[in-house]
Amino acid sequence: MDFSEWEPTYRLICEDLSIDPASDEASVRLLEAVTPNLDLDDEDAVLPLIKPSATVLGASDALLEDIASHPPEGTVIAAGSACRGVLDAEIIPDILVTDLDGDIDAQLEASSRGTVTLILAHGDNSELVARYAPLFRGKVVLTTQNRPHGNVLCFGGFTDGDRAVCLARHFGIRRIILLGFDFDNPSFKDGSDPAMKARKLRWAEKIIDPSSPDIVWPKH
């Protein structure tokens, strides 16, 4: 996705959720500063993994049930918080899309086992960026939800799940299967704000647009 296509949605999200784009930029600068020794890459790390279809794995409570009923096909892309469930299902994702929330040990394990990790820096995760980003040992692509620059890319999207879908669309994948997605019954992390989580999921649903012809959502 070209940033000019994504920027209007990004600005609307910032307005709706009171996000300061400058805080996103500051977190990106921190991400760049703490990752000089990682195996950093760009789209070239992702391109060989792209297949005609993709399965995007979200973190709903039904993830393992969905995987059992509909084994993933094509390029397997996991949202960060889904990573533990994905590994428990004995699946190593091709790509992990994360803002470093959720079970970080599972994400580091996936990275060490060959998963290409897209790390996002934004205004609310600078502490996680400083603590965890330097620990990844596999290929890493630095990403932002704001304007891209240098080796920091923007594929569009706001939450891990819809960023994974935007990534698949960016590479021209025409069949994107959603497993472990539930926009109405989110899984809450300790200390999270349920109302804010619900608002973020509304944006995720809008960005993904489950009615789009490229989306396959087996349970819905």
N, C-alpha and C. Protein backbone atom coordinates (compact mmCIF):
# COMPACT_ATOMS: atom_id res chain seq x y z
N MET A 1 0.85 -1.20 0.00
CA MET A 1 0.00 0.00 0.00
C MET A 1 0.88 1.25 0.00
N ASP A 2 0.63 2.12 -0.94
CA ASP A 2 1.34 3.39 -0.95
C ASP A 2 0.85 4.24 0.23
N PHE A 3 1.78 4.97 0.88
CA PHE A 3 1.39 5.73 2.06
C PHE A 3 0.30 6.75 1.76
N SER A 4 0.28 7.29 0.55
CA SER A 4 -0.75 8.26 0.19
C SER A 4 -2.15 7.64 0.26
N GLU A 5 -2.23 6.32 0.05
CA GLU A 5 -3.51 5.63 0.17
C GLU A 5 -3.88 5.40 1.63
N TRP A 6 -2.89 5.14 2.46
CA TRP A 6 -3.12 4.82 3.87
C TRP A 6 -3.27 6.08 4.72
N GLU A 7 -2.61 7.16 4.37
CA GLU A 7 -2.55 8.34 5.24
C GLU A 7 -3.92 8.89 5.64
N PRO A 8 -4.91 9.00 4.75
CA PRO A 8 -6.21 9.54 5.21
C PRO A 8 -6.82 8.70 6.33
N THR A 9 -6.71 7.37 6.24
CA THR A 9 -7.24 6.52 7.30
C THR A 9 -6.43 6.70 8.58
N TYR A 10 -5.13 6.77 8.43
CA TYR A 10 -4.27 7.00 9.60
C TYR A 10 -4.64 8.30 10.31
N ARG A 11 -4.87 9.35 9.56
CA ARG A 11 -5.22 10.63 10.18
C ARG A 11 -6.56 10.55 10.90
N LEU A 12 -7.52 9.83 10.32
CA LEU A 12 -8.82 9.65 10.97
C LEU A 12 -8.68 8.86 12.27
N ILE A 13 -7.83 7.83 12.26
CA ILE A 13 -7.60 7.04 13.47
C ILE A 13 -6.95 7.91 14.54
N CYS A 14 -5.98 8.70 14.15
CA CYS A 14 -5.33 9.60 15.11
C CYS A 14 -6.33 10.55 15.75
N GLU A 15 -7.22 11.07 14.93
CA GLU A 15 -8.24 11.99 15.44
C GLU A 15 -9.21 11.27 16.36
N ASP A 16 -9.64 10.09 15.97
CA ASP A 16 -10.63 9.35 16.75
C ASP A 16 -10.07 8.88 18.08
N LEU A 17 -8.82 8.43 18.10
CA LEU A 17 -8.24 7.82 19.29
C LEU A 17 -7.23 8.73 20.00
N SER A 18 -7.19 10.00 19.59
CA SER A 18 -6.31 11.00 20.21
C SER A 18 -4.85 10.56 20.18
N ILE A 19 -4.41 10.12 19.02
CA ILE A 19 -3.02 9.72 18.81
C ILE A 19 -2.23 10.89 18.24
N ASP A 20 -1.08 11.17 18.81
CA ASP A 20 -0.22 12.23 18.31
C ASP A 20 0.78 11.61 17.33
N PRO A 21 0.70 11.94 16.04
CA PRO A 21 1.66 11.38 15.09
C PRO A 21 3.11 11.60 15.49
N ALA A 22 3.40 12.69 16.19
CA ALA A 22 4.78 12.94 16.62
C ALA A 22 5.26 11.86 17.57
N SER A 23 4.36 11.30 18.39
CA SER A 23 4.77 10.23 19.30
C SER A 23 5.09 8.96 18.54
N ASP A 24 4.38 8.72 17.44
CA ASP A 24 4.72 7.59 16.58
C ASP A 24 6.11 7.77 15.99
N GLU A 25 6.40 8.97 15.53
CA GLU A 25 7.71 9.26 14.94
C GLU A 25 8.83 9.08 15.97
N ALA A 26 8.59 9.50 17.20
CA ALA A 26 9.61 9.37 18.24
C ALA A 26 9.89 7.90 18.54
N SER A 27 8.84 7.08 18.56
CA SER A 27 9.03 5.66 18.82
C SER A 27 9.78 4.99 17.68
N VAL A 28 9.53 5.43 16.45
CA VAL A 28 10.26 4.89 15.30
C VAL A 28 11.75 5.21 15.42
N ARG A 29 12.06 6.42 15.81
CA ARG A 29 13.48 6.79 15.97
C ARG A 29 14.14 5.91 17.03
N LEU A 30 13.40 5.61 18.10
CA LEU A 30 13.92 4.72 19.13
C LEU A 30 14.14 3.32 18.56
N LEU A 31 13.18 2.83 17.78
CA LEU A 31 13.31 1.50 17.16
C LEU A 31 14.56 1.43 16.30
N GLU A 32 14.81 2.46 15.52
CA GLU A 32 16.02 2.49 14.69
C GLU A 32 17.28 2.48 15.55
N ALA A 33 17.22 3.20 16.67
CA ALA A 33 18.40 3.34 17.52
C ALA A 33 18.77 2.05 18.23
N VAL A 34 17.78 1.21 18.57
CA VAL A 34 18.06 0.02 19.38
C VAL A 34 18.25 -1.24 18.54
N THR A 35 18.15 -1.13 17.20
CA THR A 35 18.22 -2.34 16.38
C THR A 35 19.38 -2.36 15.36
N PRO A 36 20.47 -1.64 15.59
CA PRO A 36 21.52 -1.64 14.55
C PRO A 36 22.21 -2.98 14.38
N ASN A 37 22.14 -3.85 15.38
CA ASN A 37 22.84 -5.13 15.31
C ASN A 37 21.94 -6.29 14.90
N LEU A 38 20.68 -6.01 14.57
CA LEU A 38 19.77 -7.07 14.14
C LEU A 38 19.98 -7.39 12.67
N ASP A 39 19.38 -8.51 12.25
CA ASP A 39 19.42 -8.91 10.84
C ASP A 39 18.28 -8.17 10.13
N LEU A 40 18.51 -6.88 9.87
CA LEU A 40 17.46 -6.03 9.31
C LEU A 40 17.34 -6.26 7.81
N ASP A 41 16.10 -6.21 7.34
CA ASP A 41 15.84 -6.42 5.93
C ASP A 41 14.69 -5.52 5.50
N ASP A 42 14.24 -5.69 4.26
CA ASP A 42 13.14 -4.89 3.74
C ASP A 42 12.16 -5.82 3.04
N GLU A 43 11.48 -5.32 2.02
CA GLU A 43 10.50 -6.16 1.32
C GLU A 43 11.13 -7.41 0.73
N ASP A 44 12.42 -7.39 0.50
CA ASP A 44 13.08 -8.56 -0.09
C ASP A 44 13.02 -9.77 0.82
N ALA A 45 12.87 -9.55 2.14
CA ALA A 45 12.75 -10.67 3.07
C ALA A 45 11.37 -11.30 3.00
N VAL A 46 10.38 -10.51 2.62
CA VAL A 46 9.00 -10.98 2.59
C VAL A 46 8.64 -11.61 1.25
N LEU A 47 9.14 -11.04 0.18
CA LEU A 47 8.73 -11.44 -1.16
C LEU A 47 8.85 -12.95 -1.42
N PRO A 48 9.93 -13.63 -1.02
CA PRO A 48 10.02 -15.07 -1.30
C PRO A 48 8.98 -15.90 -0.57
N LEU A 49 8.35 -15.33 0.44
CA LEU A 49 7.36 -16.06 1.24
C LEU A 49 5.95 -15.94 0.68
N ILE A 50 5.76 -15.10 -0.29
CA ILE A 50 4.43 -14.79 -0.80
C ILE A 50 3.94 -15.89 -1.73
N LYS A 51 2.71 -16.36 -1.45
CA LYS A 51 2.05 -17.39 -2.25
C LYS A 51 0.71 -16.84 -2.73
N PRO A 52 -0.01 -17.58 -3.57
CA PRO A 52 -1.28 -17.05 -4.09
C PRO A 52 -2.33 -16.80 -3.01
N SER A 53 -2.24 -17.51 -1.89
CA SER A 53 -3.17 -17.29 -0.80
C SER A 53 -2.38 -17.06 0.49
N ALA A 54 -3.07 -16.54 1.49
CA ALA A 54 -2.44 -16.33 2.79
C ALA A 54 -3.45 -16.64 3.88
N THR A 55 -2.96 -17.13 5.01
CA THR A 55 -3.79 -17.30 6.20
C THR A 55 -3.28 -16.35 7.26
N VAL A 56 -4.15 -15.49 7.74
CA VAL A 56 -3.80 -14.55 8.80
C VAL A 56 -4.40 -15.06 10.10
N LEU A 57 -3.55 -15.23 11.10
CA LEU A 57 -3.94 -15.84 12.38
C LEU A 57 -4.04 -14.77 13.45
N GLY A 58 -5.26 -14.58 13.96
CA GLY A 58 -5.52 -13.61 15.00
C GLY A 58 -5.56 -14.26 16.37
N ALA A 59 -5.79 -13.44 17.39
CA ALA A 59 -5.62 -13.90 18.77
C ALA A 59 -6.93 -14.13 19.50
N SER A 60 -8.02 -14.40 18.79
CA SER A 60 -9.27 -14.65 19.49
C SER A 60 -9.20 -15.98 20.25
N ASP A 61 -10.13 -16.17 21.17
CA ASP A 61 -10.16 -17.39 21.97
C ASP A 61 -10.40 -18.63 21.11
N ALA A 62 -10.92 -18.44 19.91
CA ALA A 62 -11.25 -19.56 19.04
C ALA A 62 -10.11 -19.95 18.10
N LEU A 63 -8.92 -19.37 18.29
CA LEU A 63 -7.83 -19.59 17.34
C LEU A 63 -7.53 -21.07 17.14
N LEU A 64 -7.29 -21.82 18.21
CA LEU A 64 -6.91 -23.22 18.06
C LEU A 64 -8.03 -24.05 17.44
N GLU A 65 -9.27 -23.73 17.80
CA GLU A 65 -10.41 -24.41 17.18
C GLU A 65 -10.48 -24.11 15.69
N ASP A 66 -10.24 -22.86 15.33
CA ASP A 66 -10.26 -22.48 13.92
C ASP A 66 -9.16 -23.20 13.14
N ILE A 67 -7.97 -23.27 13.74
CA ILE A 67 -6.86 -23.94 13.07
C ILE A 67 -7.17 -25.42 12.86
N ALA A 68 -7.77 -26.05 13.86
CA ALA A 68 -8.11 -27.47 13.74
C ALA A 68 -9.14 -27.71 12.65
N SER A 69 -10.07 -26.77 12.50
CA SER A 69 -11.14 -26.92 11.51
C SER A 69 -10.70 -26.52 10.11
N HIS A 70 -9.77 -25.57 10.04
CA HIS A 70 -9.33 -25.04 8.75
C HIS A 70 -7.81 -24.89 8.77
N PRO A 71 -7.08 -25.96 8.50
CA PRO A 71 -5.61 -25.87 8.53
C PRO A 71 -5.12 -24.73 7.64
N PRO A 72 -4.19 -23.92 8.13
CA PRO A 72 -3.71 -22.77 7.37
C PRO A 72 -3.13 -23.18 6.01
N GLU A 73 -3.33 -22.30 5.04
CA GLU A 73 -2.81 -22.53 3.69
C GLU A 73 -2.07 -21.29 3.22
N GLY A 74 -1.21 -21.49 2.24
CA GLY A 74 -0.48 -20.38 1.66
C GLY A 74 0.52 -19.77 2.63
N THR A 75 0.74 -18.48 2.48
CA THR A 75 1.63 -17.74 3.38
C THR A 75 0.97 -17.61 4.73
N VAL A 76 1.62 -18.04 5.79
CA VAL A 76 1.04 -17.99 7.13
C VAL A 76 1.57 -16.75 7.85
N ILE A 77 0.66 -15.85 8.18
CA ILE A 77 1.01 -14.58 8.82
C ILE A 77 0.32 -14.52 10.18
N ALA A 78 1.10 -14.41 11.24
CA ALA A 78 0.54 -14.38 12.59
C ALA A 78 0.57 -12.97 13.15
N ALA A 79 -0.53 -12.57 13.79
CA ALA A 79 -0.53 -11.36 14.59
C ALA A 79 0.22 -11.64 15.88
N GLY A 80 0.89 -10.62 16.42
CA GLY A 80 1.77 -10.83 17.55
C GLY A 80 1.17 -11.60 18.71
N SER A 81 0.00 -11.20 19.16
CA SER A 81 -0.60 -11.84 20.32
C SER A 81 -1.08 -13.25 20.05
N ALA A 82 -1.16 -13.63 18.78
CA ALA A 82 -1.57 -14.98 18.43
C ALA A 82 -0.40 -15.96 18.42
N CYS A 83 0.81 -15.46 18.58
CA CYS A 83 1.98 -16.29 18.31
C CYS A 83 2.05 -17.51 19.22
N ARG A 84 1.73 -17.38 20.51
CA ARG A 84 1.79 -18.53 21.40
C ARG A 84 0.83 -19.62 20.95
N GLY A 85 -0.40 -19.24 20.61
CA GLY A 85 -1.36 -20.23 20.13
C GLY A 85 -0.91 -20.89 18.85
N VAL A 86 -0.29 -20.12 17.97
CA VAL A 86 0.18 -20.65 16.70
C VAL A 86 1.28 -21.69 16.94
N LEU A 87 2.23 -21.37 17.81
CA LEU A 87 3.29 -22.32 18.13
C LEU A 87 2.72 -23.55 18.84
N ASP A 88 1.73 -23.35 19.71
CA ASP A 88 1.11 -24.48 20.40
C ASP A 88 0.44 -25.42 19.41
N ALA A 89 0.00 -24.87 18.28
CA ALA A 89 -0.60 -25.70 17.23
C ALA A 89 0.47 -26.31 16.31
N GLU A 90 1.73 -26.16 16.71
CA GLU A 90 2.87 -26.72 15.98
C GLU A 90 3.00 -26.12 14.58
N ILE A 91 2.75 -24.81 14.50
CA ILE A 91 2.90 -24.07 13.25
C ILE A 91 3.96 -22.99 13.46
N ILE A 92 4.91 -22.93 12.57
CA ILE A 92 5.88 -21.83 12.57
C ILE A 92 5.43 -20.86 11.49
N PRO A 93 4.98 -19.67 11.87
CA PRO A 93 4.49 -18.74 10.85
C PRO A 93 5.61 -18.27 9.92
N ASP A 94 5.24 -18.02 8.69
CA ASP A 94 6.21 -17.43 7.76
C ASP A 94 6.56 -16.02 8.18
N ILE A 95 5.54 -15.29 8.64
CA ILE A 95 5.69 -13.86 8.97
C ILE A 95 4.98 -13.59 10.28
N LEU A 96 5.58 -12.77 11.11
CA LEU A 96 4.97 -12.30 12.35
C LEU A 96 4.85 -10.79 12.28
N VAL A 97 3.65 -10.28 12.53
CA VAL A 97 3.40 -8.84 12.53
C VAL A 97 3.12 -8.43 13.98
N THR A 98 3.98 -7.60 14.56
CA THR A 98 3.86 -7.36 16.00
C THR A 98 4.24 -5.93 16.39
N ASP A 99 3.55 -5.44 17.42
CA ASP A 99 3.99 -4.21 18.08
C ASP A 99 4.57 -4.55 19.46
N LEU A 100 4.97 -5.84 19.60
CA LEU A 100 5.68 -6.34 20.78
C LEU A 100 4.81 -6.46 22.01
N ASP A 101 3.50 -6.51 21.81
CA ASP A 101 2.56 -6.78 22.88
C ASP A 101 2.37 -8.29 22.96
N GLY A 102 1.74 -8.78 24.01
CA GLY A 102 1.44 -10.21 24.10
C GLY A 102 2.64 -11.00 24.62
N ASP A 103 2.64 -12.30 24.33
CA ASP A 103 3.66 -13.23 24.82
C ASP A 103 4.94 -13.03 24.02
N ILE A 104 5.87 -12.24 24.55
CA ILE A 104 7.08 -11.91 23.80
C ILE A 104 7.99 -13.13 23.66
N ASP A 105 7.97 -14.03 24.63
CA ASP A 105 8.81 -15.22 24.52
C ASP A 105 8.43 -16.06 23.31
N ALA A 106 7.14 -16.16 23.04
CA ALA A 106 6.68 -16.91 21.86
C ALA A 106 7.15 -16.22 20.58
N GLN A 107 7.11 -14.91 20.57
CA GLN A 107 7.53 -14.17 19.37
C GLN A 107 9.03 -14.31 19.13
N LEU A 108 9.81 -14.28 20.20
CA LEU A 108 11.25 -14.48 20.08
C LEU A 108 11.56 -15.90 19.62
N GLU A 109 10.79 -16.86 20.11
CA GLU A 109 10.98 -18.24 19.68
C GLU A 109 10.71 -18.39 18.19
N ALA A 110 9.60 -17.81 17.73
CA ALA A 110 9.28 -17.89 16.30
C ALA A 110 10.40 -17.26 15.48
N SER A 111 10.90 -16.12 15.92
CA SER A 111 11.99 -15.45 15.21
C SER A 111 13.21 -16.35 15.12
N SER A 112 13.55 -17.01 16.22
CA SER A 112 14.73 -17.87 16.23
C SER A 112 14.54 -19.11 15.37
N ARG A 113 13.28 -19.43 15.04
CA ARG A 113 12.99 -20.63 14.23
C ARG A 113 12.72 -20.28 12.76
N GLY A 114 13.02 -19.04 12.37
CA GLY A 114 12.98 -18.69 10.97
C GLY A 114 11.88 -17.75 10.53
N THR A 115 11.00 -17.34 11.43
CA THR A 115 9.93 -16.41 11.07
C THR A 115 10.50 -15.02 10.79
N VAL A 116 10.04 -14.40 9.72
CA VAL A 116 10.40 -13.01 9.44
C VAL A 116 9.47 -12.12 10.27
N THR A 117 10.04 -11.25 11.07
CA THR A 117 9.25 -10.44 12.01
C THR A 117 9.19 -9.00 11.55
N LEU A 118 7.97 -8.49 11.43
CA LEU A 118 7.74 -7.07 11.14
C LEU A 118 7.42 -6.39 12.46
N ILE A 119 8.35 -5.59 12.96
CA ILE A 119 8.17 -4.89 14.23
C ILE A 119 7.66 -3.49 13.97
N LEU A 120 6.56 -3.15 14.64
CA LEU A 120 5.97 -1.81 14.50
C LEU A 120 6.30 -0.98 15.74
N ALA A 121 6.74 0.25 15.51
CA ALA A 121 6.91 1.22 16.59
C ALA A 121 5.78 2.23 16.51
N HIS A 122 5.14 2.50 17.65
CA HIS A 122 4.12 3.56 17.71
C HIS A 122 4.21 4.23 19.07
N GLY A 123 3.45 5.27 19.25
CA GLY A 123 3.61 6.10 20.43
C GLY A 123 3.38 5.41 21.75
N ASP A 124 2.61 4.32 21.76
CA ASP A 124 2.28 3.65 23.01
C ASP A 124 3.19 2.46 23.33
N ASN A 125 4.16 2.16 22.47
CA ASN A 125 4.95 0.96 22.76
C ASN A 125 6.45 1.22 22.84
N SER A 126 6.84 2.46 23.10
CA SER A 126 8.27 2.78 23.11
C SER A 126 9.02 1.99 24.18
N GLU A 127 8.40 1.76 25.34
CA GLU A 127 9.08 0.97 26.38
C GLU A 127 9.29 -0.46 25.92
N LEU A 128 8.30 -1.02 25.23
CA LEU A 128 8.44 -2.39 24.71
C LEU A 128 9.50 -2.44 23.62
N VAL A 129 9.53 -1.41 22.78
CA VAL A 129 10.55 -1.34 21.73
C VAL A 129 11.95 -1.37 22.34
N ALA A 130 12.17 -0.53 23.35
CA ALA A 130 13.49 -0.46 23.97
C ALA A 130 13.87 -1.78 24.63
N ARG A 131 12.89 -2.45 25.23
CA ARG A 131 13.18 -3.67 26.00
C ARG A 131 13.34 -4.89 25.11
N TYR A 132 12.47 -5.03 24.10
CA TYR A 132 12.39 -6.31 23.39
C TYR A 132 12.92 -6.31 21.96
N ALA A 133 12.83 -5.18 21.27
CA ALA A 133 13.23 -5.20 19.86
C ALA A 133 14.66 -5.71 19.64
N PRO A 134 15.62 -5.36 20.51
CA PRO A 134 16.99 -5.83 20.26
C PRO A 134 17.18 -7.34 20.43
N LEU A 135 16.17 -8.04 20.95
CA LEU A 135 16.33 -9.45 21.29
C LEU A 135 16.02 -10.41 20.14
N PHE A 136 15.45 -9.90 19.05
CA PHE A 136 15.07 -10.78 17.95
C PHE A 136 16.31 -11.24 17.18
N ARG A 137 16.31 -12.53 16.80
CA ARG A 137 17.49 -13.12 16.17
C ARG A 137 17.27 -13.52 14.72
N GLY A 138 16.04 -13.56 14.26
CA GLY A 138 15.78 -13.84 12.86
C GLY A 138 15.73 -12.55 12.06
N LYS A 139 15.29 -12.65 10.81
CA LYS A 139 15.16 -11.47 9.97
C LYS A 139 14.09 -10.55 10.52
N VAL A 140 14.36 -9.25 10.52
CA VAL A 140 13.46 -8.25 11.06
C VAL A 140 13.26 -7.14 10.03
N VAL A 141 12.01 -6.72 9.88
CA VAL A 141 11.67 -5.56 9.05
C VAL A 141 11.07 -4.51 9.98
N LEU A 142 11.61 -3.31 9.97
CA LEU A 142 11.11 -2.22 10.82
C LEU A 142 9.94 -1.54 10.13
N THR A 143 8.86 -1.29 10.89
CA THR A 143 7.67 -0.69 10.28
C THR A 143 7.09 0.41 11.16
N THR A 144 6.28 1.23 10.52
CA THR A 144 5.59 2.33 11.16
C THR A 144 4.17 2.42 10.63
N GLN A 145 3.29 3.05 11.40
CA GLN A 145 1.95 3.35 10.88
C GLN A 145 1.89 4.77 10.34
N ASN A 146 2.99 5.49 10.50
CA ASN A 146 3.13 6.86 10.01
C ASN A 146 3.93 6.83 8.70
N ARG A 147 4.38 7.97 8.26
CA ARG A 147 5.09 8.06 6.99
C ARG A 147 6.39 7.25 7.02
N PRO A 148 6.62 6.39 6.01
CA PRO A 148 7.85 5.59 5.98
C PRO A 148 9.05 6.45 5.62
N HIS A 149 10.22 5.99 6.04
CA HIS A 149 11.44 6.66 5.64
C HIS A 149 12.61 5.70 5.82
N GLY A 150 13.61 5.85 4.98
CA GLY A 150 14.78 5.00 5.09
C GLY A 150 14.41 3.52 5.02
N ASN A 151 14.87 2.77 6.02
CA ASN A 151 14.56 1.34 6.05
C ASN A 151 13.36 1.02 6.93
N VAL A 152 12.58 2.04 7.29
CA VAL A 152 11.35 1.85 8.07
C VAL A 152 10.17 1.94 7.11
N LEU A 153 9.43 0.85 6.97
CA LEU A 153 8.40 0.75 5.96
C LEU A 153 7.00 0.89 6.56
N CYS A 154 6.05 1.21 5.71
CA CYS A 154 4.64 1.26 6.11
C CYS A 154 3.82 0.49 5.08
N PHE A 155 3.16 -0.57 5.54
CA PHE A 155 2.30 -1.35 4.67
C PHE A 155 0.82 -1.05 4.91
N GLY A 156 0.54 -0.11 5.83
CA GLY A 156 -0.83 0.19 6.19
C GLY A 156 -1.28 -0.66 7.36
N GLY A 157 -2.40 -0.28 7.94
CA GLY A 157 -2.96 -1.03 9.06
C GLY A 157 -2.65 -0.41 10.40
N PHE A 158 -3.45 -0.81 11.40
CA PHE A 158 -3.38 -0.19 12.72
C PHE A 158 -3.14 -1.19 13.84
N THR A 159 -3.88 -2.29 13.86
CA THR A 159 -3.64 -3.35 14.84
C THR A 159 -2.86 -4.47 14.15
N ASP A 160 -2.29 -5.36 14.94
CA ASP A 160 -1.49 -6.44 14.35
C ASP A 160 -2.28 -7.22 13.30
N GLY A 161 -3.53 -7.52 13.60
CA GLY A 161 -4.33 -8.33 12.68
C GLY A 161 -4.60 -7.65 11.35
N ASP A 162 -5.03 -6.40 11.39
CA ASP A 162 -5.32 -5.74 10.11
C ASP A 162 -4.05 -5.32 9.39
N ARG A 163 -2.94 -5.10 10.12
CA ARG A 163 -1.67 -4.86 9.43
C ARG A 163 -1.24 -6.11 8.66
N ALA A 164 -1.51 -7.28 9.23
CA ALA A 164 -1.18 -8.53 8.53
C ALA A 164 -1.96 -8.64 7.23
N VAL A 165 -3.23 -8.26 7.27
CA VAL A 165 -4.06 -8.29 6.06
C VAL A 165 -3.55 -7.26 5.06
N CYS A 166 -3.23 -6.06 5.53
CA CYS A 166 -2.70 -5.03 4.63
C CYS A 166 -1.40 -5.50 3.99
N LEU A 167 -0.58 -6.21 4.74
CA LEU A 167 0.67 -6.74 4.19
C LEU A 167 0.37 -7.70 3.05
N ALA A 168 -0.57 -8.61 3.27
CA ALA A 168 -0.93 -9.57 2.22
C ALA A 168 -1.44 -8.84 0.98
N ARG A 169 -2.26 -7.83 1.18
CA ARG A 169 -2.78 -7.08 0.05
C ARG A 169 -1.67 -6.32 -0.67
N HIS A 170 -0.72 -5.79 0.09
CA HIS A 170 0.39 -5.06 -0.51
C HIS A 170 1.14 -5.93 -1.52
N PHE A 171 1.26 -7.21 -1.20
CA PHE A 171 1.98 -8.12 -2.08
C PHE A 171 1.07 -8.82 -3.09
N GLY A 172 -0.16 -8.34 -3.20
CA GLY A 172 -1.04 -8.82 -4.26
C GLY A 172 -1.73 -10.14 -4.00
N ILE A 173 -1.77 -10.58 -2.76
CA ILE A 173 -2.46 -11.84 -2.46
C ILE A 173 -3.96 -11.62 -2.57
N ARG A 174 -4.63 -12.48 -3.33
CA ARG A 174 -6.05 -12.30 -3.66
C ARG A 174 -6.99 -13.14 -2.81
N ARG A 175 -6.43 -14.08 -2.03
CA ARG A 175 -7.25 -14.93 -1.17
C ARG A 175 -6.62 -14.91 0.22
N ILE A 176 -7.30 -14.25 1.17
CA ILE A 176 -6.77 -14.06 2.52
C ILE A 176 -7.75 -14.68 3.50
N ILE A 177 -7.32 -15.77 4.15
CA ILE A 177 -8.18 -16.49 5.09
C ILE A 177 -7.94 -15.97 6.50
N LEU A 178 -9.01 -15.64 7.20
CA LEU A 178 -8.91 -15.16 8.58
C LEU A 178 -9.24 -16.29 9.54
N LEU A 179 -8.32 -16.62 10.42
CA LEU A 179 -8.55 -17.57 11.50
C LEU A 179 -8.23 -16.88 12.82
N GLY A 180 -9.04 -17.15 13.85
CA GLY A 180 -8.80 -16.53 15.14
C GLY A 180 -9.17 -15.06 15.18
N PHE A 181 -10.20 -14.68 14.42
CA PHE A 181 -10.68 -13.30 14.42
C PHE A 181 -12.08 -13.24 14.99
N ASP A 182 -12.30 -12.29 15.89
CA ASP A 182 -13.62 -12.03 16.45
C ASP A 182 -13.68 -10.55 16.80
N PHE A 183 -14.36 -9.78 15.97
CA PHE A 183 -14.39 -8.34 16.16
C PHE A 183 -15.36 -7.91 17.26
N ASP A 184 -16.23 -8.81 17.69
CA ASP A 184 -17.25 -8.45 18.67
C ASP A 184 -16.92 -8.91 20.09
N ASN A 185 -16.03 -9.89 20.22
CA ASN A 185 -15.71 -10.42 21.54
C ASN A 185 -14.19 -10.47 21.71
N PRO A 186 -13.58 -9.32 21.95
CA PRO A 186 -12.12 -9.27 22.01
C PRO A 186 -11.57 -9.98 23.24
N SER A 187 -10.33 -10.46 23.11
CA SER A 187 -9.60 -11.01 24.25
C SER A 187 -8.84 -9.86 24.91
N PHE A 188 -9.06 -9.68 26.23
CA PHE A 188 -8.45 -8.55 26.91
C PHE A 188 -7.19 -8.96 27.65
N LYS A 189 -6.17 -8.10 27.55
CA LYS A 189 -4.95 -8.31 28.31
C LYS A 189 -5.07 -7.59 29.64
N ASP A 190 -4.30 -8.04 30.63
CA ASP A 190 -4.29 -7.39 31.92
C ASP A 190 -3.94 -5.91 31.77
N GLY A 191 -4.75 -5.07 32.41
CA GLY A 191 -4.49 -3.64 32.38
C GLY A 191 -5.00 -2.92 31.15
N SER A 192 -5.60 -3.65 30.20
CA SER A 192 -6.09 -3.00 28.99
C SER A 192 -7.43 -2.32 29.24
N ASP A 193 -7.76 -1.36 28.43
CA ASP A 193 -9.01 -0.61 28.53
C ASP A 193 -10.01 -1.25 27.57
N PRO A 194 -11.05 -1.92 28.08
CA PRO A 194 -12.00 -2.60 27.20
C PRO A 194 -12.65 -1.69 26.17
N ALA A 195 -12.97 -0.46 26.57
CA ALA A 195 -13.62 0.46 25.64
C ALA A 195 -12.67 0.83 24.50
N MET A 196 -11.41 1.09 24.84
CA MET A 196 -10.44 1.43 23.81
C MET A 196 -10.18 0.23 22.90
N LYS A 197 -10.11 -0.96 23.50
CA LYS A 197 -9.91 -2.17 22.69
C LYS A 197 -11.04 -2.33 21.69
N ALA A 198 -12.26 -2.09 22.13
CA ALA A 198 -13.40 -2.22 21.23
C ALA A 198 -13.33 -1.21 20.09
N ARG A 199 -12.90 0.01 20.39
CA ARG A 199 -12.79 1.03 19.35
C ARG A 199 -11.69 0.66 18.35
N LYS A 200 -10.58 0.12 18.84
CA LYS A 200 -9.52 -0.31 17.94
C LYS A 200 -10.00 -1.44 17.03
N LEU A 201 -10.79 -2.36 17.60
CA LEU A 201 -11.29 -3.47 16.79
C LEU A 201 -12.26 -2.99 15.72
N ARG A 202 -13.00 -1.93 16.00
CA ARG A 202 -13.88 -1.39 14.98
C ARG A 202 -13.05 -0.88 13.79
N TRP A 203 -11.94 -0.25 14.10
CA TRP A 203 -11.06 0.19 13.02
C TRP A 203 -10.45 -0.99 12.28
N ALA A 204 -10.06 -2.01 13.04
CA ALA A 204 -9.50 -3.21 12.40
C ALA A 204 -10.51 -3.83 11.44
N GLU A 205 -11.75 -3.91 11.88
CA GLU A 205 -12.80 -4.49 11.03
C GLU A 205 -13.02 -3.64 9.78
N LYS A 206 -12.99 -2.33 9.96
CA LYS A 206 -13.19 -1.44 8.82
C LYS A 206 -12.04 -1.58 7.82
N ILE A 207 -10.81 -1.67 8.32
CA ILE A 207 -9.65 -1.78 7.44
C ILE A 207 -9.66 -3.11 6.69
N ILE A 208 -9.95 -4.19 7.41
CA ILE A 208 -9.99 -5.51 6.78
C ILE A 208 -11.16 -5.64 5.83
N ASP A 209 -12.33 -5.14 6.26
CA ASP A 209 -13.57 -5.26 5.50
C ASP A 209 -13.86 -6.73 5.16
N PRO A 210 -14.38 -7.49 6.13
CA PRO A 210 -14.62 -8.92 5.91
C PRO A 210 -15.52 -9.24 4.72
N SER A 211 -16.27 -8.27 4.24
CA SER A 211 -17.12 -8.51 3.07
C SER A 211 -16.36 -8.37 1.76
N SER A 212 -15.10 -7.95 1.84
CA SER A 212 -14.29 -7.77 0.61
C SER A 212 -14.10 -9.11 -0.08
N PRO A 213 -14.08 -9.13 -1.41
CA PRO A 213 -13.97 -10.40 -2.14
C PRO A 213 -12.66 -11.14 -1.91
N ASP A 214 -11.64 -10.47 -1.40
CA ASP A 214 -10.37 -11.18 -1.17
C ASP A 214 -10.31 -11.84 0.21
N ILE A 215 -11.34 -11.64 1.03
CA ILE A 215 -11.36 -12.18 2.40
C ILE A 215 -12.22 -13.45 2.46
N VAL A 216 -11.62 -14.47 3.08
CA VAL A 216 -12.36 -15.71 3.40
C VAL A 216 -12.35 -15.85 4.91
N TRP A 217 -13.55 -15.88 5.50
CA TRP A 217 -13.69 -15.95 6.97
C TRP A 217 -14.56 -17.16 7.23
N PRO A 218 -13.97 -18.35 7.40
CA PRO A 218 -14.73 -19.61 7.37
C PRO A 218 -15.89 -19.70 8.36
N LYS A 219 -15.77 -19.05 9.50
CA LYS A 219 -16.80 -19.21 10.53
C LYS A 219 -17.91 -18.17 10.41
N HIS A 220 -17.84 -17.32 9.41
CA HIS A 220 -18.82 -16.23 9.35
C HIS A 220 -19.41 -16.09 7.95
